[in-house]
Amino acid sequence: MVCVDIWYGIDDIPAELGPTSVTIGVFDGLHRGHQQLISACVEHARANGERPVMVTFDPHPVSVFLPERAPLAVLSFERRLELAEELGIDAVLVIDFTKDLAGVEPRPYVEELLVGKLNAQHIVVGENFTFGAGATGTARAMQDFGAEFGFSVDIVPLLDDAGVRICSTHIRECLANGDIESANWALGRHFTVTGPVVRGAGRGGKELGFPTANQYFPDTVAIPADGVYAGWFIVHSDASIDGDMRPGVAYAAAISVGTNPTFGDEERSIESFVLDRDADLYGYEATVHFVGHLRDMVKFNSVDELLEAMANDVAKARQVLAADAKAQGWTAKDYFLREK
């Protein structure tokens, strides 16, 4: 649950707002680069008695100007707010991005919003930051406005990995290629998706002995390429679950993403086989954490070939997840995995 103050539009900002340290951006991935901005904002705020505020935009600007090229969502908007809170942000200003807003000149953007409404004493932006009509405002221009209006500006260099810029586009490319390990590194955490568990074809448990929790997501959500992955499966519920699983615990899982070509299914889904557990999960909200890529999706010639591959998937998943739990520093209360 999000506990930070959320201001939906300028009119929601308190009239008597004390001094703030502000970071500005879309923050659509909250990846390592975004985390650097937020950390710089929070650190300055704590050192100077200011309130750390994140200014973000919804919807994504690209979806307003080029809806046919709207980027796939790497994380939900609510999760964006939760992560900002975890990183120390105290309040979030959510600005409804429209074409009219995009036409506002840089000066009133700074003078009326940042200075007049947010009482900004310090601004943190990335070196590629732009704002105002025609993206004519730049990070350097923000420094000039700071000198004029009396606030300091921190320009944070872009983050790269072996010459590849860490950005949400790069993460989407990693996901599309099934490179979950690189996506996770760029994110600084596991890539996750959250949604309700629904009924699938029913063959996993009845025919194959591998019952799965099935989830479907709209085409606007980024999910990894078709294949099999090791990951964690977490159920969200205020009540107990019918079976031997508990809400909030990360359970080891072998996860299939795709259309099940062996059986000719057409709709893409995420199917999680939770290892060594049995519970009725239909209707529950659940989060899948993708940890490692095990293999590509394959159309098998027989059910026996499929079962042999699935057994190998489970064995590999145990190894990958045992190492991940250790790397995360998790204790026995955080996760469930039998290493066998």
Foldseek 3Di string as FASTA:
>chain_A
DFDAAEAEDLVSFDQPADEAQEEEDQCQQLWPQVLVQLLVRQVVCVVPVHAYEYEHEPPDPCCQVPVVPRAFRLDDPVVSSVVSVVSPHRYYYYYYDHPVQLAAAPPCCCVCRVCVRNVYQEYEYEQQDFGHHPSPRGLVNVCVVCVVRPHHYHYHYFDADPPHTLDPVVLLVCQAVQVQQVNCNRRVHFRKDKDFFADDPPCCCVPQVQAWGKDADDPSHRGHHFAKFKWWKAWDDPDAFAWPDGHQATFIWIWGWQQQVQVPGDGTIIITRGPPIDTDRHGIMMMIGTQGTDTHDDHDPDSVVVSVVVVVSVLVSLVRVVVVCVVVVHDPVRYDGDND
